Amino acid sequence: MDSFDQYVVGLTSHWAQQSVLLNKIIIQLLSLPTFKTLPLFALLWLLWFSVNETENRHAILEGFVAMFIAGALSRAIQDALPERVRPLHAGDPAFIPPLGITPEDTVLEHWSSFPSDHAAVYFALSTALWLLSKRLGLAAYTWSLLVICMPRIFAGYHYASDVIGGAVIGVVVASFIAPIIAGKLAPFVRAAEKRSKGPFYAGFFVLSFQFLTMFNDLRIAASALKKFI
């Protein structure tokens, strides 16, 4: 994939310093969870309370199971494989950082770039929505690619193959693994929702928040804690 990655790096670098406004939109605005991931979770909550309640809720359960497994699997692969330095920190002369991003930026510097956990998580969710509705799934795939993943390539956080690898993980997990596990969990989830609606929806809200922020607060806290251990 090196030649393909280099091609994409060159393509994005061509636009890296063409427009301050464009860079601010891509790098800064689309890095905010409110604009990047919240719309997808607003859709999930809307579907949860919609007319086709039973079918939609099972699909949403599959989506959460798929996101959890895909995210954990992508992280395990990052730890198991040799570290792949992100384009931002690799010293590649072909990579031109967008305005507002510098190679000295230490964001994710010591985290391997392959595979992309964002791609794994949100392509898993998109696949679960695709299995429910082709129209919703296509919209989710498009959003995940253009709004969530492409800005991370543009900023130098990932190579294109990182995103492809993460996307494959997400699609496979959501298609073949999550439906089996979700089927076993469904009776317990339905019972919990009927028995204790308050705690159930509080937990549902917290879980949604953690996924839409990619557990960022917990990651920061864990990294800080490591320094004292």
Foldseek 3Di string as FASTA:
>chain_A
DVVQLLVVQLVLQVCQEVDPVVLCCLQPVLLDLVNQPVVVVVVLVCQCPDDVNPLSVLLVQLLLLLLVVLLVVQQVVQVVDPAAAFQLQPPDPSHDAHPPAHSVDCVCGVGGPAAPSLLQNQLLNLLSVCVSPVVSSVVSVVSSVPRPPVSCSSRRSHGPVNNVRSNVNSNCCSPPPSSVVSVVCVVVLVVCCVPPVVVSVVVVVVSSVCVSNVVVVVVVVVVVVVVVD
